């Protein structure tokens, strides 16, 4: 098994997926992909050394949001029980561009955590301006995610 490049665990049993993946890593498998249903487990699974996790529920939510918001929402990732990271891409017609962040009205319990502009990652201040084509990472409570997505529509 130590010569195996990948192990993929996608049984319907979360605990089995995690245990099989951990065993595979311990036996020398280079990379493992683990199916996780409970999104609250994602940070833990990453912390114990599993390489790639897949959440069917999160995949469905992300796909629906992309479709609903005309592909402006690139991804939504849970970071804890009540914290989500939402990645959006700006367009030239967005109301959010070319204004300092301090002048924009973001929903309560949300904050712009980073802006990716080309190969540059920007940790924003109130004076930072979002430009067309920027990928914006917003941290938000689960409750505020739908409001965050609406401001990018």
C-alpha atoms as a PDB file:
ATOM      1  CA  UNK A   1       0.000   0.000   0.000  1.00  0.00           C
ATOM      2  CA  UNK A   2       2.958   2.360   0.520  1.00  0.00           C
ATOM      3  CA  UNK A   3       3.306   2.549  -3.287  1.00  0.00           C
ATOM      4  CA  UNK A   4      -0.282   3.778  -3.647  1.00  0.00           C
ATOM      5  CA  UNK A   5      -0.645   7.390  -4.764  1.00  0.00           C
ATOM      6  CA  UNK A   6      -4.272   7.987  -3.736  1.00  0.00           C
ATOM      7  CA  UNK A   7      -6.955   6.456  -1.540  1.00  0.00           C
ATOM      8  CA  UNK A   8     -10.504   7.742  -1.909  1.00  0.00           C
ATOM      9  CA  UNK A   9     -12.991   7.003   0.885  1.00  0.00           C
ATOM     10  CA  UNK A  10     -16.601   7.697  -0.018  1.00  0.00           C
ATOM     11  CA  UNK A  11     -18.611   5.218   2.031  1.00  0.00           C
ATOM     12  CA  UNK A  12     -21.841   6.399   3.613  1.00  0.00           C
ATOM     13  CA  UNK A  13     -20.218   6.152   7.048  1.00  0.00           C
ATOM     14  CA  UNK A  14     -18.245   9.244   8.021  1.00  0.00           C
ATOM     15  CA  UNK A  15     -16.321   7.538  10.819  1.00  0.00           C
ATOM     16  CA  UNK A  16     -15.236   4.745   8.465  1.00  0.00           C
ATOM     17  CA  UNK A  17     -14.083   7.257   5.860  1.00  0.00           C
ATOM     18  CA  UNK A  18     -11.936   9.080   8.409  1.00  0.00           C
ATOM     19  CA  UNK A  19     -10.483   5.898   9.924  1.00  0.00           C
ATOM     20  CA  UNK A  20      -9.685   4.346   6.537  1.00  0.00           C
ATOM     21  CA  UNK A  21      -8.048   7.583   5.408  1.00  0.00           C
ATOM     22  CA  UNK A  22      -5.974   7.829   8.598  1.00  0.00           C
ATOM     23  CA  UNK A  23      -4.891   4.200   8.243  1.00  0.00           C
ATOM     24  CA  UNK A  24      -3.954   4.753   4.602  1.00  0.00           C
ATOM     25  CA  UNK A  25      -1.843   7.794   5.550  1.00  0.00           C
ATOM     26  CA  UNK A  26      -0.172   5.823   8.357  1.00  0.00           C
ATOM     27  CA  UNK A  27       0.676   3.044   5.887  1.00  0.00           C
ATOM     28  CA  UNK A  28       2.356   5.475   3.501  1.00  0.00           C
ATOM     29  CA  UNK A  29      -0.302   6.448   0.961  1.00  0.00           C
ATOM     30  CA  UNK A  30       0.705   9.793  -0.509  1.00  0.00           C
ATOM     31  CA  UNK A  31      -2.744  11.488  -0.614  1.00  0.00           C
ATOM     32  CA  UNK A  32      -6.239  10.681   0.608  1.00  0.00           C
ATOM     33  CA  UNK A  33      -9.635  12.080  -0.332  1.00  0.00           C
ATOM     34  CA  UNK A  34     -12.246  11.718   2.408  1.00  0.00           C
ATOM     35  CA  UNK A  35     -16.012  12.203   2.110  1.00  0.00           C
ATOM     36  CA  UNK A  36     -17.429  14.118   5.082  1.00  0.00           C
ATOM     37  CA  UNK A  37     -21.129  14.851   5.531  1.00  0.00           C
ATOM     38  CA  UNK A  38     -20.976  17.054   8.628  1.00  0.00           C
ATOM     39  CA  UNK A  39     -19.446  20.349   7.566  1.00  0.00           C
ATOM     40  CA  UNK A  40     -18.524  21.080  11.184  1.00  0.00           C
ATOM     41  CA  UNK A  41     -15.961  18.236  10.910  1.00  0.00           C
ATOM     42  CA  UNK A  42     -14.060  19.846   8.030  1.00  0.00           C
ATOM     43  CA  UNK A  43     -11.612  21.904  10.147  1.00  0.00           C
ATOM     44  CA  UNK A  44     -10.924  18.876  12.388  1.00  0.00           C
ATOM     45  CA  UNK A  45     -10.310  16.530   9.460  1.00  0.00           C
ATOM     46  CA  UNK A  46      -7.829  18.990   7.980  1.00  0.00           C
ATOM     47  CA  UNK A  47      -6.094  19.397  11.353  1.00  0.00           C
ATOM     48  CA  UNK A  48      -5.504  15.639  11.714  1.00  0.00           C
ATOM     49  CA  UNK A  49      -3.698  15.519   8.400  1.00  0.00           C
ATOM     50  CA  UNK A  50      -6.192  14.317   5.814  1.00  0.00           C
ATOM     51  CA  UNK A  51      -5.377  15.884   2.467  1.00  0.00           C
ATOM     52  CA  UNK A  52      -8.645  16.474   0.639  1.00  0.00           C
ATOM     53  CA  UNK A  53     -12.159  16.459   2.056  1.00  0.00           C
ATOM     54  CA  UNK A  54     -15.376  16.443   0.082  1.00  0.00           C
ATOM     55  CA  UNK A  55     -18.724  17.417   1.531  1.00  0.00           C
ATOM     56  CA  UNK A  56     -21.717  16.524  -0.666  1.00  0.00           C
ATOM     57  CA  UNK A  57     -23.913  19.066   1.118  1.00  0.00           C
ATOM     58  CA  UNK A  58     -21.346  21.817   0.700  1.00  0.00           C
ATOM     59  CA  UNK A  59     -20.847  20.919  -2.964  1.00  0.00           C
ATOM     60  CA  UNK A  60     -24.583  21.198  -3.604  1.00  0.00           C
ATOM     61  CA  UNK A  61     -24.852  24.510  -1.742  1.00  0.00           C
ATOM     62  CA  UNK A  62     -21.884  25.946  -3.609  1.00  0.00           C
ATOM     63  CA  UNK A  63     -23.283  24.831  -6.989  1.00  0.00           C
ATOM     64  CA  UNK A  64     -26.705  26.316  -6.225  1.00  0.00           C
ATOM     65  CA  UNK A  65     -25.216  29.622  -5.099  1.00  0.00           C
ATOM     66  CA  UNK A  66     -23.093  29.865  -8.245  1.00  0.00           C
ATOM     67  CA  UNK A  67     -26.167  29.276 -10.376  1.00  0.00           C
ATOM     68  CA  UNK A  68     -28.368  31.674  -8.397  1.00  0.00           C
ATOM     69  CA  UNK A  69     -25.849  34.487  -8.477  1.00  0.00           C
ATOM     70  CA  UNK A  70     -24.751  34.115 -12.104  1.00  0.00           C
ATOM     71  CA  UNK A  71     -21.446  32.518 -11.186  1.00  0.00           C
ATOM     72  CA  UNK A  72     -20.304  35.536  -9.163  1.00  0.00           C
ATOM     73  CA  UNK A  73     -20.090  33.329  -6.063  1.00  0.00           C
ATOM     74  CA  UNK A  74     -17.105  31.050  -6.630  1.00  0.00           C
ATOM     75  CA  UNK A  75     -17.291  29.057  -3.407  1.00  0.00           C
ATOM     76  CA  UNK A  76     -18.706  28.875   0.101  1.00  0.00           C
ATOM     77  CA  UNK A  77     -16.701  27.043   2.737  1.00  0.00           C
ATOM     78  CA  UNK A  78     -17.656  26.409   6.360  1.00  0.00           C
ATOM     79  CA  UNK A  79     -14.935  27.356   8.824  1.00  0.00           C
ATOM     80  CA  UNK A  80     -16.796  26.369  11.972  1.00  0.00           C
ATOM     81  CA  UNK A  81     -20.243  25.981  13.461  1.00  0.00           C
ATOM     82  CA  UNK A  82     -21.350  29.509  12.514  1.00  0.00           C
ATOM     83  CA  UNK A  83     -18.604  30.869  10.260  1.00  0.00           C
ATOM     84  CA  UNK A  84     -18.429  30.701   6.473  1.00  0.00           C
ATOM     85  CA  UNK A  85     -15.901  31.942   3.935  1.00  0.00           C
ATOM     86  CA  UNK A  86     -17.591  33.201   0.777  1.00  0.00           C
ATOM     87  CA  UNK A  87     -15.471  33.774  -2.331  1.00  0.00           C
ATOM     88  CA  UNK A  88     -16.955  36.059  -4.975  1.00  0.00           C
ATOM     89  CA  UNK A  89     -15.636  37.547  -8.193  1.00  0.00           C
ATOM     90  CA  UNK A  90     -16.357  41.142  -9.103  1.00  0.00           C
ATOM     91  CA  UNK A  91     -17.472  42.360 -12.497  1.00  0.00           C
ATOM     92  CA  UNK A  92     -17.342  45.779 -14.097  1.00  0.00           C
ATOM     93  CA  UNK A  93     -21.058  46.275 -13.388  1.00  0.00           C
ATOM     94  CA  UNK A  94     -20.858  45.559  -9.655  1.00  0.00           C
ATOM     95  CA  UNK A  95     -21.913  48.301  -7.242  1.00  0.00           C
ATOM     96  CA  UNK A  96     -19.026  47.204  -5.021  1.00  0.00           C
ATOM     97  CA  UNK A  97     -16.143  48.278  -7.261  1.00  0.00           C
ATOM     98  CA  UNK A  98     -13.970  51.374  -7.205  1.00  0.00           C
ATOM     99  CA  UNK A  99     -15.182  52.540  -3.781  1.00  0.00           C
ATOM    100  CA  UNK A 100     -13.233  52.367  -0.504  1.00  0.00           C
ATOM    101  CA  UNK A 101     -14.429  49.448   1.633  1.00  0.00           C
ATOM    102  CA  UNK A 102     -15.321  51.842   4.466  1.00  0.00           C
ATOM    103  CA  UNK A 103     -18.012  53.369   2.218  1.00  0.00           C
ATOM    104  CA  UNK A 104     -19.619  50.029   1.366  1.00  0.00           C
ATOM    105  CA  UNK A 105     -22.468  48.610   3.422  1.00  0.00           C
ATOM    106  CA  UNK A 106     -21.762  45.023   4.342  1.00  0.00           C
ATOM    107  CA  UNK A 107     -24.259  42.953   6.323  1.00  0.00           C
ATOM    108  CA  UNK A 108     -23.796  42.725  10.075  1.00  0.00           C
ATOM    109  CA  UNK A 109     -21.532  39.783  11.024  1.00  0.00           C
ATOM    110  CA  UNK A 110     -19.549  39.899   7.775  1.00  0.00           C
ATOM    111  CA  UNK A 111     -16.148  41.321   6.836  1.00  0.00           C
ATOM    112  CA  UNK A 112     -13.870  41.340   3.803  1.00  0.00           C
ATOM    113  CA  UNK A 113     -10.891  39.225   4.851  1.00  0.00           C
ATOM    114  CA  UNK A 114      -8.831  39.247   1.651  1.00  0.00           C
ATOM    115  CA  UNK A 115      -8.815  40.346  -1.963  1.00  0.00           C
ATOM    116  CA  UNK A 116      -6.999  38.340  -4.621  1.00  0.00           C
ATOM    117  CA  UNK A 117      -5.939  40.529  -7.529  1.00  0.00           C
ATOM    118  CA  UNK A 118      -4.036  38.535 -10.118  1.00  0.00           C
ATOM    119  CA  UNK A 119      -1.237  36.865  -8.165  1.00  0.00           C
ATOM    120  CA  UNK A 120      -1.368  39.400  -5.323  1.00  0.00           C
ATOM    121  CA  UNK A 121      -3.212  38.743  -2.057  1.00  0.00           C
ATOM    122  CA  UNK A 122      -4.345  41.920  -0.323  1.00  0.00           C
ATOM    123  CA  UNK A 123      -5.340  42.118   3.341  1.00  0.00           C
ATOM    124  CA  UNK A 124      -7.724  45.061   3.051  1.00  0.00           C
ATOM    125  CA  UNK A 125      -8.150  48.193   5.115  1.00  0.00           C
ATOM    126  CA  UNK A 126     -11.019  50.666   5.011  1.00  0.00           C
ATOM    127  CA  UNK A 127      -9.241  52.502   2.189  1.00  0.00           C
ATOM    128  CA  UNK A 128      -8.849  49.418  -0.023  1.00  0.00           C
ATOM    129  CA  UNK A 129     -10.777  49.574  -3.307  1.00  0.00           C
ATOM    130  CA  UNK A 130     -12.210  46.494  -5.045  1.00  0.00           C
ATOM    131  CA  UNK A 131     -11.550  46.356  -8.795  1.00  0.00           C
ATOM    132  CA  UNK A 132     -13.299  44.417 -11.596  1.00  0.00           C
ATOM    133  CA  UNK A 133     -12.021  40.840 -11.725  1.00  0.00           C
ATOM    134  CA  UNK A 134     -10.943  40.787  -8.068  1.00  0.00           C
ATOM    135  CA  UNK A 135     -11.697  37.642  -6.094  1.00  0.00           C
ATOM    136  CA  UNK A 136     -13.011  38.776  -2.728  1.00  0.00           C
ATOM    137  CA  UNK A 137     -12.994  36.526   0.347  1.00  0.00           C
ATOM    138  CA  UNK A 138     -15.683  37.473   2.856  1.00  0.00           C
ATOM    139  CA  UNK A 139     -15.990  35.948   6.309  1.00  0.00           C
ATOM    140  CA  UNK A 140     -19.589  35.767   7.440  1.00  0.00           C
ATOM    141  CA  UNK A 141     -21.839  34.214  10.023  1.00  0.00           C
ATOM    142  CA  UNK A 142     -23.980  31.456   8.542  1.00  0.00           C
ATOM    143  CA  UNK A 143     -27.052  33.616   9.074  1.00  0.00           C
ATOM    144  CA  UNK A 144     -25.581  36.538   7.091  1.00  0.00           C
ATOM    145  CA  UNK A 145     -24.356  34.494   4.077  1.00  0.00           C
ATOM    146  CA  UNK A 146     -27.513  35.056   2.026  1.00  0.00           C
ATOM    147  CA  UNK A 147     -27.259  38.829   2.635  1.00  0.00           C
ATOM    148  CA  UNK A 148     -23.601  38.801   1.600  1.00  0.00           C
ATOM    149  CA  UNK A 149     -24.502  37.021  -1.624  1.00  0.00           C
ATOM    150  CA  UNK A 150     -27.309  39.475  -2.397  1.00  0.00           C
ATOM    151  CA  UNK A 151     -24.978  42.482  -2.360  1.00  0.00           C
ATOM    152  CA  UNK A 152     -22.938  40.855  -5.149  1.00  0.00           C
ATOM    153  CA  UNK A 153     -25.991  40.133  -7.316  1.00  0.00           C
END
